Structure formats: structure tokens, C-alpha cells
Amino acid sequence: MKELVEVIAKSLVEHPDEVVVTQRESGKSLILELKVAPSDMGKVIGKQGRIAKAIRSVVKAAASREDQKVIVDILQ
């Protein structure tokens, strides 16, 4: 899952070398934290959060195949 979020984020931003995805587990959930350059934050979130919602949907669909619950957090 971590690699999936990383690939999606790197394809969206202007500074792909600053994309960092950290993974931690909380109970039965897997939490993925995405950090990007401040200038790329808008590209990852999108208008009215549409791109962020799309990223979460893709990850949720991939996680459901493996019977996992994944939470994607976008950090500043």
C-alpha cells in the first residue's frame, strides 16, 4: 500500500524527491502518512479535496482485496 500511495503522489507533484510516505499500524488499521513539499500540497489535495478523496478511494479498493483497513493522512 505504501508504494501505491508513493507512486500516485510522485506522479502528481513537481518535486517528487520530497514525497515521503510513512507507514504505521494501529490495531487492525494501517495508517499511511503522506508528506509533500509545501508548494505541492494543493496538487495532492485538489479542488475541494477531490484528488485526496480519489487517492483514498484507490487505496481503499486495493486494501479491500487484502482484507485490510487503510487510512491515508496527508500531513503538512
N, C-alpha and C. Protein backbone atom coordinates (compact mmCIF):
# COMPACT_ATOMS: atom_id res chain seq x y z
N MET A 1 0.82 -1.19 0.00
CA MET A 1 0.00 0.00 0.00
C MET A 1 0.87 1.26 0.00
N LYS A 2 1.95 1.21 0.76
CA LYS A 2 2.85 2.36 0.85
C LYS A 2 3.38 2.74 -0.53
N GLU A 3 3.77 1.75 -1.31
CA GLU A 3 4.31 2.00 -2.64
C GLU A 3 3.26 2.60 -3.57
N LEU A 4 2.02 2.15 -3.43
CA LEU A 4 0.92 2.66 -4.25
C LEU A 4 0.72 4.16 -4.01
N VAL A 5 0.66 4.56 -2.75
CA VAL A 5 0.48 5.98 -2.41
C VAL A 5 1.68 6.79 -2.91
N GLU A 6 2.87 6.23 -2.76
CA GLU A 6 4.08 6.91 -3.20
C GLU A 6 4.07 7.15 -4.71
N VAL A 7 3.70 6.15 -5.48
CA VAL A 7 3.67 6.28 -6.95
C VAL A 7 2.63 7.31 -7.38
N ILE A 8 1.46 7.26 -6.78
CA ILE A 8 0.41 8.21 -7.13
C ILE A 8 0.85 9.64 -6.80
N ALA A 9 1.38 9.84 -5.60
CA ALA A 9 1.78 11.18 -5.18
C ALA A 9 2.92 11.72 -6.04
N LYS A 10 3.90 10.89 -6.34
CA LYS A 10 5.04 11.35 -7.15
C LYS A 10 4.62 11.74 -8.56
N SER A 11 3.57 11.12 -9.07
CA SER A 11 3.11 11.46 -10.41
C SER A 11 2.34 12.78 -10.43
N LEU A 12 1.88 13.24 -9.27
CA LEU A 12 1.09 14.46 -9.20
C LEU A 12 1.91 15.72 -8.94
N VAL A 13 3.03 15.59 -8.25
CA VAL A 13 3.75 16.76 -7.74
C VAL A 13 4.89 17.20 -8.66
N GLU A 14 5.39 18.42 -8.40
CA GLU A 14 6.52 18.95 -9.16
C GLU A 14 7.85 18.54 -8.54
N HIS A 15 7.85 18.22 -7.24
CA HIS A 15 9.07 17.83 -6.53
C HIS A 15 8.91 16.40 -6.00
N PRO A 16 9.01 15.40 -6.88
CA PRO A 16 8.78 14.02 -6.45
C PRO A 16 9.81 13.51 -5.44
N ASP A 17 10.99 14.14 -5.40
CA ASP A 17 12.01 13.70 -4.45
C ASP A 17 11.65 14.06 -3.01
N GLU A 18 10.68 14.96 -2.82
CA GLU A 18 10.27 15.36 -1.47
C GLU A 18 9.04 14.61 -0.96
N VAL A 19 8.57 13.64 -1.73
CA VAL A 19 7.42 12.83 -1.30
C VAL A 19 7.91 11.77 -0.31
N VAL A 20 7.28 11.76 0.88
CA VAL A 20 7.64 10.79 1.90
C VAL A 20 6.35 10.14 2.39
N VAL A 21 6.33 8.82 2.38
CA VAL A 21 5.18 8.07 2.89
C VAL A 21 5.68 7.20 4.05
N THR A 22 5.07 7.40 5.23
CA THR A 22 5.42 6.56 6.37
C THR A 22 4.23 5.67 6.69
N GLN A 23 4.54 4.50 7.20
CA GLN A 23 3.51 3.50 7.46
C GLN A 23 3.58 3.08 8.92
N ARG A 24 2.42 3.05 9.57
CA ARG A 24 2.36 2.54 10.94
C ARG A 24 1.05 1.81 11.13
N GLU A 25 1.05 0.90 12.09
CA GLU A 25 -0.15 0.12 12.35
C GLU A 25 -0.80 0.57 13.65
N SER A 26 -2.11 0.62 13.63
CA SER A 26 -2.89 0.99 14.81
C SER A 26 -4.02 -0.01 14.93
N GLY A 27 -3.84 -1.00 15.78
CA GLY A 27 -4.84 -2.05 15.90
C GLY A 27 -4.92 -2.85 14.62
N LYS A 28 -6.10 -2.91 14.03
CA LYS A 28 -6.27 -3.65 12.77
C LYS A 28 -6.11 -2.75 11.56
N SER A 29 -5.86 -1.45 11.78
CA SER A 29 -5.75 -0.50 10.69
C SER A 29 -4.29 -0.23 10.34
N LEU A 30 -4.09 0.10 9.09
CA LEU A 30 -2.79 0.51 8.60
C LEU A 30 -2.91 2.00 8.28
N ILE A 31 -2.05 2.82 8.87
CA ILE A 31 -2.10 4.26 8.66
C ILE A 31 -0.92 4.67 7.79
N LEU A 32 -1.22 5.30 6.66
CA LEU A 32 -0.20 5.82 5.76
C LEU A 32 -0.21 7.33 5.84
N GLU A 33 0.95 7.91 6.18
CA GLU A 33 1.06 9.36 6.28
C GLU A 33 1.86 9.87 5.09
N LEU A 34 1.27 10.79 4.35
CA LEU A 34 1.88 11.33 3.14
C LEU A 34 2.34 12.75 3.40
N LYS A 35 3.62 13.01 3.13
CA LYS A 35 4.17 14.36 3.25
C LYS A 35 4.73 14.75 1.89
N VAL A 36 4.41 15.99 1.47
CA VAL A 36 4.93 16.52 0.21
C VAL A 36 5.47 17.91 0.48
N ALA A 37 6.14 18.49 -0.50
CA ALA A 37 6.64 19.85 -0.39
C ALA A 37 5.46 20.80 -0.22
N PRO A 38 5.64 21.87 0.57
CA PRO A 38 4.53 22.82 0.79
C PRO A 38 3.93 23.37 -0.51
N SER A 39 4.77 23.57 -1.52
CA SER A 39 4.27 24.11 -2.79
C SER A 39 3.44 23.09 -3.56
N ASP A 40 3.58 21.81 -3.23
CA ASP A 40 2.82 20.75 -3.92
C ASP A 40 1.57 20.32 -3.17
N MET A 41 1.33 20.89 -2.01
CA MET A 41 0.20 20.48 -1.18
C MET A 41 -1.13 20.62 -1.93
N GLY A 42 -1.31 21.69 -2.64
CA GLY A 42 -2.55 21.91 -3.38
C GLY A 42 -2.78 20.89 -4.48
N LYS A 43 -1.69 20.43 -5.09
CA LYS A 43 -1.82 19.43 -6.16
C LYS A 43 -2.25 18.08 -5.62
N VAL A 44 -1.84 17.77 -4.40
CA VAL A 44 -2.19 16.48 -3.80
C VAL A 44 -3.62 16.51 -3.24
N ILE A 45 -4.03 17.67 -2.74
CA ILE A 45 -5.37 17.78 -2.16
C ILE A 45 -6.41 18.03 -3.25
N GLY A 46 -6.12 18.93 -4.17
CA GLY A 46 -7.04 19.24 -5.26
C GLY A 46 -8.17 20.16 -4.83
N LYS A 47 -8.93 20.61 -5.80
CA LYS A 47 -10.06 21.50 -5.51
C LYS A 47 -11.11 20.74 -4.71
N GLN A 48 -11.48 21.32 -3.59
CA GLN A 48 -12.48 20.74 -2.68
C GLN A 48 -12.10 19.32 -2.24
N GLY A 49 -10.80 19.01 -2.25
CA GLY A 49 -10.33 17.72 -1.76
C GLY A 49 -10.59 16.56 -2.69
N ARG A 50 -10.86 16.84 -3.94
CA ARG A 50 -11.22 15.76 -4.87
C ARG A 50 -10.07 14.78 -5.13
N ILE A 51 -8.86 15.29 -5.29
CA ILE A 51 -7.73 14.39 -5.57
C ILE A 51 -7.41 13.56 -4.33
N ALA A 52 -7.45 14.18 -3.16
CA ALA A 52 -7.20 13.44 -1.91
C ALA A 52 -8.24 12.34 -1.74
N LYS A 53 -9.47 12.65 -2.05
CA LYS A 53 -10.54 11.65 -1.95
C LYS A 53 -10.32 10.51 -2.95
N ALA A 54 -9.85 10.85 -4.15
CA ALA A 54 -9.59 9.83 -5.16
C ALA A 54 -8.43 8.92 -4.73
N ILE A 55 -7.39 9.51 -4.15
CA ILE A 55 -6.26 8.71 -3.66
C ILE A 55 -6.76 7.73 -2.59
N ARG A 56 -7.56 8.23 -1.67
CA ARG A 56 -8.09 7.37 -0.61
C ARG A 56 -8.97 6.25 -1.17
N SER A 57 -9.75 6.56 -2.20
CA SER A 57 -10.62 5.55 -2.81
C SER A 57 -9.82 4.44 -3.47
N VAL A 58 -8.76 4.81 -4.19
CA VAL A 58 -7.92 3.82 -4.86
C VAL A 58 -7.24 2.92 -3.83
N VAL A 59 -6.72 3.53 -2.77
CA VAL A 59 -6.03 2.75 -1.73
C VAL A 59 -7.03 1.85 -1.00
N LYS A 60 -8.22 2.36 -0.75
CA LYS A 60 -9.25 1.56 -0.07
C LYS A 60 -9.64 0.35 -0.92
N ALA A 61 -9.75 0.55 -2.23
CA ALA A 61 -10.09 -0.55 -3.12
C ALA A 61 -8.98 -1.60 -3.14
N ALA A 62 -7.74 -1.16 -3.18
CA ALA A 62 -6.62 -2.10 -3.18
C ALA A 62 -6.53 -2.83 -1.84
N ALA A 63 -6.84 -2.14 -0.76
CA ALA A 63 -6.77 -2.75 0.58
C ALA A 63 -7.89 -3.76 0.78
N SER A 64 -9.03 -3.52 0.18
CA SER A 64 -10.16 -4.44 0.37
C SER A 64 -9.87 -5.80 -0.25
N ARG A 65 -9.01 -5.84 -1.26
CA ARG A 65 -8.62 -7.12 -1.86
C ARG A 65 -7.81 -7.95 -0.86
N GLU A 66 -7.12 -7.27 0.07
CA GLU A 66 -6.29 -7.96 1.05
C GLU A 66 -6.94 -7.99 2.43
N ASP A 67 -8.21 -7.63 2.51
CA ASP A 67 -8.94 -7.59 3.79
C ASP A 67 -8.24 -6.73 4.84
N GLN A 68 -7.84 -5.54 4.44
CA GLN A 68 -7.18 -4.61 5.35
C GLN A 68 -7.98 -3.32 5.40
N LYS A 69 -7.81 -2.57 6.48
CA LYS A 69 -8.37 -1.22 6.56
C LYS A 69 -7.18 -0.26 6.52
N VAL A 70 -7.18 0.63 5.54
CA VAL A 70 -6.08 1.56 5.36
C VAL A 70 -6.60 2.99 5.48
N ILE A 71 -5.89 3.80 6.24
CA ILE A 71 -6.22 5.21 6.39
C ILE A 71 -5.07 6.02 5.78
N VAL A 72 -5.38 6.97 4.90
CA VAL A 72 -4.38 7.82 4.30
C VAL A 72 -4.52 9.22 4.89
N ASP A 73 -3.44 9.67 5.55
CA ASP A 73 -3.40 11.02 6.12
C ASP A 73 -2.42 11.85 5.32
N ILE A 74 -2.82 13.06 4.96
CA ILE A 74 -1.94 13.98 4.25
C ILE A 74 -1.49 15.01 5.26
N LEU A 75 -0.19 15.05 5.53
CA LEU A 75 0.37 15.93 6.56
C LEU A 75 1.08 17.11 5.93
N GLN A 76 1.11 18.21 6.70
CA GLN A 76 1.84 19.40 6.22
C GLN A 76 3.25 19.39 6.72
